[in-house]
Amino acid sequence: MNPDIERELIPHSDTVRMIGELQGLTSRLKNAFSQLELLDDAGHVPASPDFSVLIHHAETAQALSRDVVQPTSAFAQTAHSTNRAGSTVLSHMATAGTMSCSAAPLFAQTAETALALPRSHGTSDRQQMEGRMVIDHATARAYLRRASESLSEAVKQLHGHLDFHRIFPASMRQGTATPPPPPPPRQSPRTR
């Protein structure tokens, strides 16, 4: 295979594997965004927000961020992360890592504020704390949504890369091009 083409191609099997892994993470991030809620059905902060539920939101976000950062780190260590397609994929994965890592502390802050609510003295103090909780929690959820969107963009880039693979014969994609047969042996005339 042409070395320039080989440098540009992420191996087909790696591309397919990454697409599956990133699609799974995208789905998990979307689910977390939609399920991790602070407000009640009426759109208000509950009178007594449950710390255990809110700290679980932080735990969920922490686990998601770890699961996003690990494949990002692994891909960054490959030679393919520096080619044109790979660097674009890595950029989207890095953004997803940043966004997902930013969510967990905000969920934790929301939970910590929930513990302080019963001790708040005036209604203005409580309103300020509730407002801070709403902002922190909504921002954390937005980070999860943006992480999901970034991984979706990485998946789109990888799908486009699979199209690039289709240009080349299978033997070139796999690096197993069959060498041409050797020339027939030369017969030398014998003289007497």
N, C-alpha and C. Protein backbone atom coordinates (compact mmCIF):
# COMPACT_ATOMS: atom_id res chain seq x y z
N MET A 1 0.85 -1.18 0.00
CA MET A 1 0.00 0.00 0.00
C MET A 1 0.89 1.23 0.00
N ASN A 2 0.44 2.26 -0.65
CA ASN A 2 1.14 3.53 -0.67
C ASN A 2 1.28 4.03 0.77
N PRO A 3 2.52 4.37 1.21
CA PRO A 3 2.71 4.81 2.60
C PRO A 3 1.89 6.05 2.96
N ASP A 4 1.68 6.96 2.00
CA ASP A 4 0.88 8.16 2.28
C ASP A 4 -0.57 7.79 2.57
N ILE A 5 -1.11 6.85 1.80
CA ILE A 5 -2.48 6.40 2.02
C ILE A 5 -2.57 5.65 3.34
N GLU A 6 -1.59 4.82 3.60
CA GLU A 6 -1.60 4.04 4.83
C GLU A 6 -1.60 4.94 6.06
N ARG A 7 -0.85 6.05 6.01
CA ARG A 7 -0.82 6.99 7.14
C ARG A 7 -2.18 7.64 7.36
N GLU A 8 -2.92 7.85 6.30
CA GLU A 8 -4.22 8.51 6.40
C GLU A 8 -5.35 7.59 6.84
N LEU A 9 -5.17 6.29 6.70
CA LEU A 9 -6.24 5.34 7.02
C LEU A 9 -6.14 4.83 8.44
N ILE A 10 -7.22 5.00 9.18
CA ILE A 10 -7.37 4.30 10.46
C ILE A 10 -7.81 2.90 10.05
N PRO A 11 -7.20 1.85 10.57
CA PRO A 11 -7.60 0.50 10.15
C PRO A 11 -9.12 0.30 10.22
N HIS A 12 -9.64 -0.40 9.23
CA HIS A 12 -11.09 -0.60 9.10
C HIS A 12 -11.68 -1.19 10.38
N SER A 13 -11.07 -2.23 10.90
CA SER A 13 -11.62 -2.88 12.11
C SER A 13 -11.59 -1.93 13.31
N ASP A 14 -10.54 -1.12 13.42
CA ASP A 14 -10.47 -0.14 14.51
C ASP A 14 -11.56 0.91 14.36
N THR A 15 -11.80 1.33 13.12
CA THR A 15 -12.83 2.34 12.86
C THR A 15 -14.21 1.82 13.26
N VAL A 16 -14.51 0.60 12.84
CA VAL A 16 -15.81 -0.01 13.17
C VAL A 16 -15.96 -0.17 14.68
N ARG A 17 -14.90 -0.63 15.35
CA ARG A 17 -14.93 -0.80 16.81
C ARG A 17 -15.16 0.54 17.50
N MET A 18 -14.44 1.58 17.06
CA MET A 18 -14.60 2.89 17.67
C MET A 18 -16.01 3.45 17.47
N ILE A 19 -16.57 3.24 16.30
CA ILE A 19 -17.94 3.71 16.04
C ILE A 19 -18.90 3.08 17.05
N GLY A 20 -18.79 1.78 17.24
CA GLY A 20 -19.67 1.10 18.19
C GLY A 20 -19.48 1.61 19.61
N GLU A 21 -18.23 1.78 20.01
CA GLU A 21 -17.95 2.24 21.37
C GLU A 21 -18.46 3.67 21.58
N LEU A 22 -18.22 4.54 20.62
CA LEU A 22 -18.65 5.93 20.77
C LEU A 22 -20.16 6.07 20.68
N GLN A 23 -20.81 5.25 19.86
CA GLN A 23 -22.28 5.28 19.81
C GLN A 23 -22.87 4.86 21.15
N GLY A 24 -22.27 3.86 21.79
CA GLY A 24 -22.73 3.43 23.11
C GLY A 24 -22.58 4.54 24.15
N LEU A 25 -21.44 5.23 24.11
CA LEU A 25 -21.22 6.34 25.05
C LEU A 25 -22.16 7.49 24.77
N THR A 26 -22.41 7.77 23.49
CA THR A 26 -23.34 8.83 23.11
C THR A 26 -24.72 8.55 23.69
N SER A 27 -25.16 7.32 23.57
CA SER A 27 -26.47 6.93 24.09
C SER A 27 -26.53 7.07 25.61
N ARG A 28 -25.47 6.64 26.29
CA ARG A 28 -25.44 6.75 27.75
C ARG A 28 -25.46 8.21 28.21
N LEU A 29 -24.72 9.07 27.50
CA LEU A 29 -24.73 10.49 27.84
C LEU A 29 -26.11 11.11 27.62
N LYS A 30 -26.76 10.75 26.52
CA LYS A 30 -28.11 11.26 26.23
C LYS A 30 -29.09 10.81 27.31
N ASN A 31 -28.98 9.53 27.70
CA ASN A 31 -29.87 9.02 28.74
C ASN A 31 -29.66 9.76 30.06
N ALA A 32 -28.40 9.99 30.41
CA ALA A 32 -28.11 10.70 31.65
C ALA A 32 -28.67 12.12 31.59
N PHE A 33 -28.48 12.78 30.46
CA PHE A 33 -29.01 14.13 30.31
C PHE A 33 -30.51 14.16 30.54
N SER A 34 -31.22 13.20 29.99
CA SER A 34 -32.68 13.21 30.10
C SER A 34 -33.19 12.69 31.44
N GLN A 35 -32.43 11.84 32.12
CA GLN A 35 -32.92 11.23 33.36
C GLN A 35 -32.48 11.93 34.64
N LEU A 36 -31.35 12.61 34.61
CA LEU A 36 -30.85 13.26 35.83
C LEU A 36 -31.54 14.61 35.99
N GLU A 37 -32.61 14.61 36.76
CA GLU A 37 -33.43 15.82 36.91
C GLU A 37 -33.42 16.32 38.34
N LEU A 38 -33.51 17.62 38.48
CA LEU A 38 -33.60 18.25 39.79
C LEU A 38 -35.03 18.71 40.07
N LEU A 39 -35.65 19.33 39.10
CA LEU A 39 -36.96 19.96 39.30
C LEU A 39 -38.08 18.92 39.34
N ASP A 40 -39.13 19.25 40.07
CA ASP A 40 -40.28 18.35 40.15
C ASP A 40 -41.14 18.51 38.89
N ASP A 41 -42.27 17.81 38.86
CA ASP A 41 -43.15 17.84 37.69
C ASP A 41 -43.70 19.23 37.39
N ALA A 42 -43.78 20.08 38.42
CA ALA A 42 -44.29 21.44 38.23
C ALA A 42 -43.18 22.41 37.82
N GLY A 43 -41.93 21.91 37.73
CA GLY A 43 -40.83 22.77 37.33
C GLY A 43 -40.21 23.56 38.46
N HIS A 44 -40.39 23.09 39.71
CA HIS A 44 -39.85 23.78 40.88
C HIS A 44 -38.83 22.89 41.59
N VAL A 45 -37.96 23.55 42.36
CA VAL A 45 -37.04 22.80 43.22
C VAL A 45 -37.89 22.16 44.32
N PRO A 46 -37.71 20.87 44.57
CA PRO A 46 -38.49 20.24 45.65
C PRO A 46 -38.23 20.92 46.99
N ALA A 47 -39.23 20.88 47.87
CA ALA A 47 -39.09 21.51 49.19
C ALA A 47 -37.91 20.92 49.95
N SER A 48 -37.70 19.62 49.81
CA SER A 48 -36.57 18.96 50.46
C SER A 48 -35.83 18.11 49.42
N PRO A 49 -34.92 18.73 48.66
CA PRO A 49 -34.19 17.95 47.65
C PRO A 49 -33.42 16.81 48.32
N ASP A 50 -33.44 15.65 47.71
CA ASP A 50 -32.82 14.46 48.27
C ASP A 50 -31.33 14.44 47.94
N PHE A 51 -30.50 14.61 48.98
CA PHE A 51 -29.04 14.61 48.79
C PHE A 51 -28.56 13.33 48.14
N SER A 52 -29.09 12.19 48.57
CA SER A 52 -28.61 10.91 48.04
C SER A 52 -28.86 10.78 46.54
N VAL A 53 -29.99 11.30 46.09
CA VAL A 53 -30.31 11.28 44.66
C VAL A 53 -29.36 12.21 43.91
N LEU A 54 -29.15 13.39 44.46
CA LEU A 54 -28.31 14.39 43.78
C LEU A 54 -26.84 13.97 43.77
N ILE A 55 -26.36 13.35 44.83
CA ILE A 55 -24.95 12.91 44.82
C ILE A 55 -24.79 11.72 43.86
N HIS A 56 -25.87 10.97 43.68
CA HIS A 56 -25.83 9.89 42.67
C HIS A 56 -25.68 10.48 41.27
N HIS A 57 -26.25 11.65 41.02
CA HIS A 57 -26.07 12.32 39.74
C HIS A 57 -24.58 12.59 39.51
N ALA A 58 -23.89 13.04 40.56
CA ALA A 58 -22.44 13.30 40.46
C ALA A 58 -21.68 12.01 40.19
N GLU A 59 -22.09 10.95 40.87
CA GLU A 59 -21.44 9.65 40.68
C GLU A 59 -21.63 9.15 39.24
N THR A 60 -22.83 9.30 38.72
CA THR A 60 -23.12 8.89 37.35
C THR A 60 -22.27 9.68 36.36
N ALA A 61 -22.21 11.00 36.56
CA ALA A 61 -21.42 11.85 35.66
C ALA A 61 -19.94 11.51 35.75
N GLN A 62 -19.47 11.21 36.95
CA GLN A 62 -18.05 10.84 37.14
C GLN A 62 -17.73 9.57 36.37
N ALA A 63 -18.61 8.58 36.46
CA ALA A 63 -18.39 7.31 35.74
C ALA A 63 -18.42 7.54 34.23
N LEU A 64 -19.35 8.37 33.77
CA LEU A 64 -19.42 8.68 32.34
C LEU A 64 -18.15 9.39 31.86
N SER A 65 -17.68 10.34 32.66
CA SER A 65 -16.48 11.07 32.24
C SER A 65 -15.28 10.13 32.15
N ARG A 66 -15.17 9.20 33.09
CA ARG A 66 -14.08 8.21 33.02
C ARG A 66 -14.20 7.39 31.74
N ASP A 67 -15.43 6.99 31.42
CA ASP A 67 -15.65 6.15 30.23
C ASP A 67 -15.44 6.91 28.93
N VAL A 68 -15.52 8.23 28.97
CA VAL A 68 -15.23 9.04 27.78
C VAL A 68 -13.72 9.31 27.68
N VAL A 69 -13.10 9.60 28.81
CA VAL A 69 -11.68 9.96 28.81
C VAL A 69 -10.79 8.76 28.47
N GLN A 70 -11.13 7.57 28.93
CA GLN A 70 -10.28 6.41 28.67
C GLN A 70 -10.09 6.12 27.18
N PRO A 71 -11.15 6.02 26.38
CA PRO A 71 -10.91 5.78 24.95
C PRO A 71 -10.27 6.98 24.26
N THR A 72 -10.52 8.17 24.77
CA THR A 72 -9.88 9.36 24.20
C THR A 72 -8.37 9.28 24.41
N SER A 73 -7.98 8.92 25.61
CA SER A 73 -6.55 8.76 25.91
C SER A 73 -5.93 7.65 25.09
N ALA A 74 -6.64 6.54 24.97
CA ALA A 74 -6.11 5.41 24.19
C ALA A 74 -5.95 5.79 22.72
N PHE A 75 -6.94 6.49 22.16
CA PHE A 75 -6.85 6.88 20.75
C PHE A 75 -5.74 7.92 20.54
N ALA A 76 -5.54 8.81 21.51
CA ALA A 76 -4.50 9.84 21.40
C ALA A 76 -3.11 9.21 21.32
N GLN A 77 -2.95 8.01 21.84
CA GLN A 77 -1.66 7.34 21.83
C GLN A 77 -1.38 6.56 20.56
N THR A 78 -2.34 6.52 19.64
CA THR A 78 -2.14 5.81 18.39
C THR A 78 -1.55 6.74 17.35
N ALA A 79 -0.88 6.16 16.38
CA ALA A 79 -0.32 6.96 15.28
C ALA A 79 -1.43 7.57 14.43
N HIS A 80 -2.59 6.95 14.42
CA HIS A 80 -3.69 7.41 13.58
C HIS A 80 -4.35 8.68 14.12
N SER A 81 -4.08 9.03 15.36
CA SER A 81 -4.68 10.24 15.92
C SER A 81 -4.09 11.51 15.33
N THR A 82 -2.97 11.37 14.61
CA THR A 82 -2.32 12.56 14.05
C THR A 82 -2.62 12.78 12.57
N ASN A 83 -3.29 11.81 11.92
CA ASN A 83 -3.63 12.06 10.52
C ASN A 83 -4.87 12.96 10.45
N ARG A 84 -5.27 13.33 9.25
CA ARG A 84 -6.35 14.31 9.09
C ARG A 84 -7.65 13.84 9.75
N ALA A 85 -8.11 12.66 9.42
CA ALA A 85 -9.36 12.17 10.00
C ALA A 85 -9.21 11.92 11.49
N GLY A 86 -8.10 11.31 11.87
CA GLY A 86 -7.87 10.99 13.28
C GLY A 86 -7.79 12.21 14.17
N SER A 87 -7.16 13.27 13.69
CA SER A 87 -7.06 14.47 14.53
C SER A 87 -8.41 15.14 14.71
N THR A 88 -9.27 15.05 13.69
CA THR A 88 -10.63 15.60 13.83
C THR A 88 -11.43 14.78 14.84
N VAL A 89 -11.33 13.45 14.73
CA VAL A 89 -12.02 12.57 15.68
C VAL A 89 -11.51 12.85 17.09
N LEU A 90 -10.19 12.95 17.24
CA LEU A 90 -9.61 13.20 18.56
C LEU A 90 -10.08 14.53 19.13
N SER A 91 -10.21 15.54 18.30
CA SER A 91 -10.69 16.84 18.76
C SER A 91 -12.11 16.73 19.32
N HIS A 92 -12.98 16.01 18.61
CA HIS A 92 -14.35 15.83 19.12
C HIS A 92 -14.35 15.01 20.41
N MET A 93 -13.52 13.99 20.48
CA MET A 93 -13.45 13.17 21.69
C MET A 93 -12.91 13.98 22.87
N ALA A 94 -11.92 14.84 22.60
CA ALA A 94 -11.37 15.67 23.67
C ALA A 94 -12.41 16.64 24.21
N THR A 95 -13.19 17.22 23.32
CA THR A 95 -14.28 18.11 23.75
C THR A 95 -15.28 17.35 24.62
N ALA A 96 -15.62 16.14 24.18
CA ALA A 96 -16.55 15.32 24.97
C ALA A 96 -15.95 15.01 26.34
N GLY A 97 -14.66 14.75 26.39
CA GLY A 97 -14.00 14.50 27.67
C GLY A 97 -14.06 15.71 28.59
N THR A 98 -13.78 16.86 28.04
CA THR A 98 -13.83 18.10 28.83
C THR A 98 -15.23 18.36 29.36
N MET A 99 -16.22 18.22 28.47
CA MET A 99 -17.60 18.48 28.88
C MET A 99 -18.06 17.49 29.95
N SER A 100 -17.78 16.21 29.75
CA SER A 100 -18.24 15.22 30.72
C SER A 100 -17.52 15.38 32.06
N CYS A 101 -16.24 15.72 32.03
CA CYS A 101 -15.51 15.94 33.29
C CYS A 101 -16.02 17.17 34.04
N SER A 102 -16.54 18.14 33.31
CA SER A 102 -17.04 19.36 33.94
C SER A 102 -18.39 19.16 34.62
N ALA A 103 -19.12 18.13 34.23
CA ALA A 103 -20.46 17.91 34.78
C ALA A 103 -20.44 17.43 36.22
N ALA A 104 -19.56 16.49 36.54
CA ALA A 104 -19.57 15.86 37.86
C ALA A 104 -19.43 16.85 39.01
N PRO A 105 -18.48 17.81 38.97
CA PRO A 105 -18.38 18.73 40.11
C PRO A 105 -19.62 19.61 40.29
N LEU A 106 -20.29 19.95 39.19
CA LEU A 106 -21.49 20.77 39.31
C LEU A 106 -22.65 19.98 39.92
N PHE A 107 -22.75 18.70 39.56
CA PHE A 107 -23.76 17.86 40.21
C PHE A 107 -23.44 17.72 41.70
N ALA A 108 -22.16 17.56 42.03
CA ALA A 108 -21.76 17.46 43.44
C ALA A 108 -22.07 18.75 44.20
N GLN A 109 -21.84 19.89 43.56
CA GLN A 109 -22.16 21.18 44.17
C GLN A 109 -23.66 21.31 44.42
N THR A 110 -24.46 20.82 43.49
CA THR A 110 -25.91 20.83 43.66
C THR A 110 -26.30 20.02 44.90
N ALA A 111 -25.69 18.85 45.04
CA ALA A 111 -25.99 18.00 46.19
C ALA A 111 -25.57 18.67 47.50
N GLU A 112 -24.41 19.30 47.48
CA GLU A 112 -23.94 19.99 48.69
C GLU A 112 -24.88 21.14 49.07
N THR A 113 -25.34 21.87 48.09
CA THR A 113 -26.28 22.97 48.35
C THR A 113 -27.59 22.43 48.92
N ALA A 114 -28.02 21.27 48.42
CA ALA A 114 -29.27 20.66 48.94
C ALA A 114 -29.16 20.37 50.43
N LEU A 115 -27.96 19.98 50.89
CA LEU A 115 -27.77 19.73 52.32
C LEU A 115 -27.92 21.00 53.14
N ALA A 116 -27.52 22.13 52.56
CA ALA A 116 -27.56 23.39 53.30
C ALA A 116 -28.94 24.04 53.29
N LEU A 117 -29.84 23.62 52.40
CA LEU A 117 -31.15 24.27 52.31
C LEU A 117 -31.94 24.28 53.62
N PRO A 118 -32.02 23.17 54.35
CA PRO A 118 -32.80 23.21 55.60
C PRO A 118 -32.24 24.20 56.62
N ARG A 119 -30.95 24.52 56.51
CA ARG A 119 -30.34 25.45 57.46
C ARG A 119 -30.43 26.91 57.00
N SER A 120 -30.94 27.13 55.80
CA SER A 120 -31.03 28.51 55.30
C SER A 120 -32.07 29.27 56.12
N HIS A 121 -31.76 30.52 56.42
CA HIS A 121 -32.58 31.26 57.38
C HIS A 121 -33.72 32.03 56.73
N GLY A 122 -33.45 32.95 55.91
CA GLY A 122 -34.51 33.76 55.31
C GLY A 122 -34.95 33.21 53.97
N THR A 123 -36.09 33.68 53.51
CA THR A 123 -36.58 33.22 52.22
C THR A 123 -35.66 33.67 51.09
N SER A 124 -35.03 34.83 51.25
CA SER A 124 -34.12 35.29 50.20
C SER A 124 -32.88 34.39 50.13
N ASP A 125 -32.39 33.94 51.31
CA ASP A 125 -31.26 33.00 51.32
C ASP A 125 -31.64 31.71 50.62
N ARG A 126 -32.79 31.21 50.94
CA ARG A 126 -33.24 29.96 50.33
C ARG A 126 -33.43 30.14 48.83
N GLN A 127 -34.01 31.25 48.42
CA GLN A 127 -34.21 31.49 46.99
C GLN A 127 -32.87 31.56 46.24
N GLN A 128 -31.90 32.22 46.87
CA GLN A 128 -30.57 32.28 46.24
C GLN A 128 -29.95 30.89 46.11
N MET A 129 -30.08 30.10 47.17
CA MET A 129 -29.51 28.75 47.14
C MET A 129 -30.23 27.88 46.11
N GLU A 130 -31.54 27.98 46.06
CA GLU A 130 -32.30 27.22 45.07
C GLU A 130 -31.92 27.65 43.66
N GLY A 131 -31.75 28.95 43.47
CA GLY A 131 -31.34 29.46 42.16
C GLY A 131 -29.98 28.91 41.75
N ARG A 132 -29.05 28.89 42.71
CA ARG A 132 -27.72 28.36 42.43
C ARG A 132 -27.80 26.86 42.10
N MET A 133 -28.65 26.14 42.85
CA MET A 133 -28.83 24.71 42.57
C MET A 133 -29.34 24.49 41.15
N VAL A 134 -30.36 25.26 40.76
CA VAL A 134 -30.95 25.11 39.43
C VAL A 134 -29.90 25.39 38.35
N ILE A 135 -29.14 26.46 38.53
CA ILE A 135 -28.12 26.82 37.53
C ILE A 135 -27.03 25.75 37.46
N ASP A 136 -26.52 25.31 38.63
CA ASP A 136 -25.46 24.29 38.63
C ASP A 136 -25.93 23.00 37.99
N HIS A 137 -27.13 22.57 38.37
CA HIS A 137 -27.65 21.30 37.85
C HIS A 137 -27.93 21.39 36.35
N ALA A 138 -28.52 22.49 35.92
CA ALA A 138 -28.82 22.66 34.49
C ALA A 138 -27.52 22.75 33.68
N THR A 139 -26.51 23.41 34.22
CA THR A 139 -25.23 23.51 33.51
C THR A 139 -24.58 22.14 33.41
N ALA A 140 -24.64 21.35 34.47
CA ALA A 140 -24.07 19.99 34.45
C ALA A 140 -24.77 19.14 33.39
N ARG A 141 -26.09 19.23 33.34
CA ARG A 141 -26.84 18.48 32.32
C ARG A 141 -26.46 18.96 30.92
N ALA A 142 -26.29 20.26 30.75
CA ALA A 142 -25.90 20.80 29.44
C ALA A 142 -24.53 20.27 29.03
N TYR A 143 -23.62 20.12 30.00
CA TYR A 143 -22.30 19.55 29.69
C TYR A 143 -22.45 18.11 29.18
N LEU A 144 -23.34 17.34 29.79
CA LEU A 144 -23.55 15.97 29.32
C LEU A 144 -24.13 15.97 27.90
N ARG A 145 -25.05 16.89 27.63
CA ARG A 145 -25.63 16.98 26.30
C ARG A 145 -24.57 17.35 25.27
N ARG A 146 -23.73 18.32 25.61
CA ARG A 146 -22.68 18.75 24.69
C ARG A 146 -21.64 17.64 24.48
N ALA A 147 -21.35 16.87 25.52
CA ALA A 147 -20.44 15.73 25.37
C ALA A 147 -21.02 14.72 24.40
N SER A 148 -22.32 14.46 24.53
CA SER A 148 -23.00 13.54 23.62
C SER A 148 -22.93 14.06 22.19
N GLU A 149 -23.16 15.34 21.99
CA GLU A 149 -23.10 15.92 20.66
C GLU A 149 -21.69 15.81 20.06
N SER A 150 -20.68 16.02 20.88
CA SER A 150 -19.30 15.92 20.39
C SER A 150 -18.96 14.50 19.96
N LEU A 151 -19.41 13.52 20.73
CA LEU A 151 -19.17 12.13 20.34
C LEU A 151 -19.94 11.78 19.08
N SER A 152 -21.15 12.33 18.93
CA SER A 152 -21.91 12.11 17.69
C SER A 152 -21.14 12.64 16.49
N GLU A 153 -20.50 13.79 16.64
CA GLU A 153 -19.69 14.35 15.56
C GLU A 153 -18.49 13.46 15.25
N ALA A 154 -17.88 12.89 16.29
CA ALA A 154 -16.76 11.96 16.07
C ALA A 154 -17.24 10.73 15.30
N VAL A 155 -18.42 10.24 15.64
CA VAL A 155 -18.98 9.08 14.94
C VAL A 155 -19.24 9.42 13.47
N LYS A 156 -19.78 10.61 13.20
CA LYS A 156 -20.00 11.02 11.81
C LYS A 156 -18.69 11.05 11.04
N GLN A 157 -17.65 11.56 11.66
CA GLN A 157 -16.33 11.62 11.02
C GLN A 157 -15.83 10.20 10.72
N LEU A 158 -16.02 9.29 11.66
CA LEU A 158 -15.57 7.90 11.46
C LEU A 158 -16.38 7.21 10.36
N HIS A 159 -17.68 7.48 10.28
CA HIS A 159 -18.49 6.93 9.19
C HIS A 159 -17.98 7.43 7.84
N GLY A 160 -17.63 8.71 7.79
CA GLY A 160 -17.06 9.26 6.57
C GLY A 160 -15.74 8.59 6.23
N HIS A 161 -14.98 8.24 7.27
CA HIS A 161 -13.71 7.56 7.06
C HIS A 161 -13.93 6.16 6.49
N LEU A 162 -15.01 5.51 6.91
CA LEU A 162 -15.32 4.19 6.34
C LEU A 162 -15.58 4.31 4.84
N ASP A 163 -16.22 5.40 4.41
CA ASP A 163 -16.42 5.62 2.98
C ASP A 163 -15.08 5.72 2.26
N PHE A 164 -14.11 6.35 2.90
CA PHE A 164 -12.77 6.47 2.34
C PHE A 164 -12.15 5.09 2.16
N HIS A 165 -12.41 4.20 3.10
CA HIS A 165 -11.90 2.82 3.00
C HIS A 165 -12.45 2.11 1.77
N ARG A 166 -13.67 2.42 1.39
CA ARG A 166 -14.31 1.72 0.28
C ARG A 166 -13.65 2.02 -1.06
N ILE A 167 -12.88 3.08 -1.11
CA ILE A 167 -12.18 3.44 -2.35
C ILE A 167 -11.10 2.42 -2.68
N PHE A 168 -10.53 1.83 -1.64
CA PHE A 168 -9.40 0.94 -1.82
C PHE A 168 -9.84 -0.52 -1.79
N PRO A 169 -9.15 -1.38 -2.54
CA PRO A 169 -9.49 -2.81 -2.50
C PRO A 169 -9.29 -3.37 -1.09
N ALA A 170 -10.02 -4.43 -0.81
CA ALA A 170 -9.95 -5.04 0.52
C ALA A 170 -8.53 -5.43 0.88
N SER A 171 -7.77 -5.91 -0.08
CA SER A 171 -6.40 -6.33 0.24
C SER A 171 -5.56 -5.14 0.68
N MET A 172 -5.84 -3.96 0.12
CA MET A 172 -5.10 -2.77 0.54
C MET A 172 -5.54 -2.32 1.92
N ARG A 173 -6.85 -2.41 2.23
CA ARG A 173 -7.35 -2.00 3.54
C ARG A 173 -6.76 -2.84 4.64
N GLN A 174 -6.60 -4.12 4.37
CA GLN A 174 -6.12 -5.03 5.41
C GLN A 174 -4.61 -5.12 5.42
N GLY A 175 -3.96 -4.52 4.45
CA GLY A 175 -2.51 -4.58 4.41
C GLY A 175 -1.99 -5.95 4.02
N THR A 176 -2.82 -6.74 3.33
CA THR A 176 -2.40 -8.09 2.97
C THR A 176 -2.41 -8.26 1.46
N ALA A 177 -1.86 -7.30 0.77
CA ALA A 177 -1.83 -7.40 -0.68
C ALA A 177 -1.02 -8.63 -1.09
N THR A 178 -1.56 -9.38 -2.01
CA THR A 178 -0.88 -10.58 -2.49
C THR A 178 0.24 -10.18 -3.43
N PRO A 179 1.46 -10.67 -3.17
CA PRO A 179 2.57 -10.30 -4.05
C PRO A 179 2.39 -10.97 -5.40
N PRO A 180 2.93 -10.33 -6.44
CA PRO A 180 2.80 -10.96 -7.75
C PRO A 180 3.57 -12.28 -7.78
N PRO A 181 3.14 -13.21 -8.62
CA PRO A 181 3.85 -14.50 -8.66
C PRO A 181 5.27 -14.28 -9.17
N PRO A 182 6.19 -15.12 -8.71
CA PRO A 182 7.57 -14.96 -9.16
C PRO A 182 7.66 -15.32 -10.65
N PRO A 183 8.63 -14.73 -11.36
CA PRO A 183 8.78 -15.07 -12.78
C PRO A 183 9.21 -16.52 -12.92
N PRO A 184 8.86 -17.13 -14.04
CA PRO A 184 9.27 -18.54 -14.24
C PRO A 184 10.79 -18.62 -14.31
N PRO A 185 11.33 -19.74 -13.89
CA PRO A 185 12.80 -19.86 -13.91
C PRO A 185 13.29 -19.83 -15.36
N ARG A 186 14.44 -19.24 -15.53
CA ARG A 186 15.04 -19.17 -16.86
C ARG A 186 15.70 -20.49 -17.18
N GLN A 187 15.53 -20.89 -18.38
CA GLN A 187 16.18 -22.13 -18.81
C GLN A 187 17.40 -21.74 -19.64
N SER A 188 18.46 -22.27 -19.22
CA SER A 188 19.68 -21.93 -19.97
C SER A 188 19.94 -23.03 -21.01
N PRO A 189 20.29 -22.60 -22.20
CA PRO A 189 20.60 -23.59 -23.24
C PRO A 189 21.93 -24.27 -22.91
N ARG A 190 21.98 -25.54 -23.11
CA ARG A 190 23.24 -26.27 -22.84
C ARG A 190 23.98 -26.47 -24.15
N THR A 191 25.16 -26.18 -24.10
CA THR A 191 25.99 -26.38 -25.29
C THR A 191 26.97 -27.50 -25.05
N ARG A 192 27.28 -28.30 -26.08
CA ARG A 192 28.24 -29.40 -25.97
C ARG A 192 29.35 -29.20 -26.92
